[in-house]
Amino acid sequence: MPTQLQSLYTGRSGHLAVMAQFLHRGYNAAIPEVDRGDDIFVVRDEDGEMTRIQVKAANGRGVQRWYATYKIPLRQLQTIHTPELYYVFAIHHDGGWNDFVILSRMDLEDMGTRQRIGRVHGEYLYIRLSFSATDVRCGGQNLQPYRNNWSAWPVIRH
């Protein structure tokens, strides 16, 4: 079990890895001065379109399949946002931040309530993502279509 201090370092490094993905795609990325549930604001400079991002980062465990557990506040998940909130689940495995599962708040809420992925405990939804070289699963749900799927942010060439 990682220490609280180690968890802070893991979280921040995952956060910066996600920011790097957006910057590399040509978007401006900013950290809000006050954390009210958004980790990153992603802005398309040419028209000001903004996306809100919540990053969940963890170290993967395992060899053939690697996995990590993430904790999502139910209140955040059930609150409608404008602009919409996206979750990026980052997993550090095999020496780097190589895999990201990207879900809109609406998709994750739907999966949590209708498809019963994860488990609710207290005020949180806990999900365990299990990765292999060819798929991502959460319980019986196939999340491979969401793996490294940055299509909501097409590459911008400046």
Protein backbone atom coordinates (compact mmCIF):
# COMPACT_ATOMS: atom_id res chain seq x y z
CA MET A 1 0.00 0.00 0.00
CA PRO A 2 1.56 3.32 -1.05
CA THR A 3 2.07 6.02 1.56
CA GLN A 4 0.01 9.19 1.40
CA LEU A 5 3.10 11.10 0.27
CA GLN A 6 3.82 8.59 -2.52
CA SER A 7 0.20 8.86 -3.64
CA LEU A 8 0.64 12.64 -3.98
CA TYR A 9 3.67 12.15 -6.22
CA THR A 10 1.89 9.53 -8.33
CA GLY A 11 -1.18 11.72 -8.66
CA ARG A 12 0.74 14.80 -9.71
CA SER A 13 2.92 12.93 -12.20
CA GLY A 14 -0.20 11.38 -13.78
CA HIS A 15 -1.80 14.80 -13.88
CA LEU A 16 1.21 16.25 -15.73
CA ALA A 17 1.31 13.26 -18.13
CA VAL A 18 -2.31 13.98 -19.10
CA MET A 19 -1.53 17.69 -19.54
CA ALA A 20 1.38 16.73 -21.79
CA GLN A 21 -0.99 14.69 -24.00
CA PHE A 22 -3.26 17.72 -24.50
CA LEU A 23 -0.37 20.09 -25.15
CA HIS A 24 1.11 17.67 -27.68
CA ARG A 25 -2.26 17.57 -29.46
CA GLY A 26 -2.16 21.39 -29.80
CA TYR A 27 -4.46 22.44 -26.95
CA ASN A 28 -3.75 24.87 -24.16
CA ALA A 29 -3.92 23.27 -20.73
CA ALA A 30 -4.21 25.05 -17.41
CA ILE A 31 -4.42 24.04 -13.78
CA PRO A 32 -7.22 25.86 -11.93
CA GLU A 33 -5.95 27.98 -9.04
CA VAL A 34 -8.73 26.62 -6.82
CA ASP A 35 -9.43 22.88 -7.02
CA ARG A 36 -13.18 22.42 -7.05
CA GLY A 37 -13.16 19.07 -8.82
CA ASP A 38 -11.46 20.01 -12.08
CA ASP A 39 -7.80 19.14 -12.45
CA ILE A 40 -7.21 20.61 -15.89
CA PHE A 41 -8.96 23.09 -18.15
CA VAL A 42 -8.29 22.24 -21.79
CA VAL A 43 -8.81 25.13 -24.22
CA ARG A 44 -8.89 25.22 -27.99
CA ASP A 45 -7.29 28.65 -28.46
CA GLU A 46 -8.83 29.49 -31.84
CA ASP A 47 -12.41 29.64 -30.50
CA GLY A 48 -12.08 29.32 -26.72
CA GLU A 49 -13.90 25.98 -26.51
CA MET A 50 -13.09 24.51 -23.12
CA THR A 51 -13.22 21.04 -21.61
CA ARG A 52 -13.02 20.18 -17.93
CA ILE A 53 -10.78 17.23 -17.01
CA GLN A 54 -10.58 15.16 -13.83
CA VAL A 55 -7.44 13.00 -13.70
CA LYS A 56 -7.29 9.77 -11.73
CA ALA A 57 -3.79 8.29 -11.63
CA ALA A 58 -2.48 5.02 -10.23
CA ASN A 59 0.46 2.65 -10.44
CA GLY A 60 -0.37 -0.58 -12.22
CA ARG A 61 0.31 -3.94 -10.61
CA GLY A 62 0.71 -7.26 -12.40
CA VAL A 63 2.57 -8.66 -15.39
CA GLN A 64 0.40 -10.40 -18.03
CA ARG A 65 -2.52 -8.26 -16.90
CA TRP A 66 -1.94 -5.12 -14.89
CA TYR A 67 -4.60 -3.36 -12.90
CA ALA A 68 -5.35 -0.34 -10.76
CA THR A 69 -8.25 0.81 -8.61
CA TYR A 70 -9.68 4.32 -8.83
CA LYS A 71 -12.00 6.23 -6.49
CA ILE A 72 -14.60 8.64 -7.92
CA PRO A 73 -16.76 10.88 -5.71
CA LEU A 74 -20.42 10.09 -6.42
CA ARG A 75 -21.42 13.72 -6.00
CA GLN A 76 -19.02 14.76 -8.75
CA LEU A 77 -20.15 11.90 -10.97
CA GLN A 78 -23.84 12.72 -10.59
CA THR A 79 -23.52 16.49 -11.10
CA ILE A 80 -24.21 17.78 -14.61
CA HIS A 81 -21.43 20.08 -15.80
CA THR A 82 -21.21 22.71 -18.49
CA PRO A 83 -18.91 22.27 -20.24
CA GLU A 84 -18.98 18.53 -19.70
CA LEU A 85 -16.48 16.89 -17.38
CA TYR A 86 -14.23 14.12 -18.66
CA TYR A 87 -12.34 11.60 -16.57
CA VAL A 88 -8.91 10.47 -17.66
CA PHE A 89 -7.77 7.33 -15.82
CA ALA A 90 -4.01 7.15 -16.14
CA ILE A 91 -2.04 4.02 -15.27
CA HIS A 92 1.71 3.94 -14.80
CA HIS A 93 3.07 0.57 -15.85
CA ASP A 94 6.25 -0.82 -17.37
CA GLY A 95 8.20 2.38 -16.81
CA GLY A 96 5.76 5.00 -18.05
CA TRP A 97 2.33 6.54 -18.40
CA ASN A 98 1.37 4.54 -21.49
CA ASP A 99 -2.34 3.94 -21.04
CA PHE A 100 -5.18 6.35 -20.49
CA VAL A 101 -8.88 5.48 -20.33
CA ILE A 102 -10.97 8.52 -21.26
CA LEU A 103 -14.66 8.68 -20.34
CA SER A 104 -17.13 11.51 -20.22
CA ARG A 105 -18.89 11.99 -16.92
CA MET A 106 -22.16 10.93 -18.59
CA ASP A 107 -20.67 7.70 -19.94
CA LEU A 108 -19.07 6.81 -16.61
CA GLU A 109 -22.25 7.58 -14.68
CA ASP A 110 -24.25 5.44 -17.11
CA MET A 111 -21.78 2.56 -16.77
CA GLY A 112 -21.84 2.87 -12.99
CA THR A 113 -25.62 2.85 -12.70
CA ARG A 114 -26.91 0.78 -15.62
CA GLN A 115 -24.07 -1.60 -16.28
CA ARG A 116 -23.01 -1.81 -12.65
CA ILE A 117 -19.29 -1.42 -13.19
CA GLY A 118 -17.41 -0.86 -10.00
CA ARG A 119 -18.84 -0.79 -6.52
CA VAL A 120 -20.27 1.98 -4.42
CA HIS A 121 -18.92 2.34 -0.92
CA GLY A 122 -20.00 5.36 1.10
CA GLU A 123 -19.77 8.45 -1.07
CA TYR A 124 -17.53 6.92 -3.73
CA LEU A 125 -17.63 4.67 -6.77
CA TYR A 126 -14.58 2.39 -6.91
CA ILE A 127 -13.60 0.95 -10.26
CA ARG A 128 -10.82 -1.51 -11.00
CA LEU A 129 -9.38 -1.32 -14.49
CA SER A 130 -7.58 -4.42 -15.74
CA PHE A 131 -5.26 -4.03 -18.75
CA SER A 132 -3.50 -6.36 -21.14
CA ALA A 133 -1.67 -5.54 -24.34
CA THR A 134 -4.94 -5.90 -26.28
CA ASP A 135 -7.80 -4.96 -23.95
CA VAL A 136 -9.06 -3.03 -20.94
CA ARG A 137 -11.79 -4.39 -18.72
CA CYS A 138 -13.74 -3.23 -15.72
CA GLY A 139 -15.58 -6.24 -14.36
CA GLY A 140 -17.22 -7.76 -17.40
CA GLN A 141 -17.31 -4.46 -19.30
CA ASN A 142 -14.96 -3.99 -22.26
CA LEU A 143 -13.44 -0.50 -22.11
CA GLN A 144 -10.94 -0.97 -24.95
CA PRO A 145 -12.76 1.61 -27.15
CA TYR A 146 -11.93 4.24 -24.50
CA ARG A 147 -8.25 3.31 -24.24
CA ASN A 148 -6.04 6.16 -25.43
CA ASN A 149 -9.08 7.54 -27.26
CA TRP A 150 -8.30 11.24 -27.55
CA SER A 151 -10.73 11.69 -30.47
CA ALA A 152 -12.74 14.39 -28.62
CA TRP A 153 -9.59 16.51 -29.06
CA PRO A 154 -8.39 16.11 -32.65
CA VAL A 155 -4.79 17.12 -33.26
CA ILE A 156 -4.39 20.83 -34.05
CA ARG A 157 -1.47 21.89 -36.22
CA HIS A 158 -0.34 25.44 -35.47
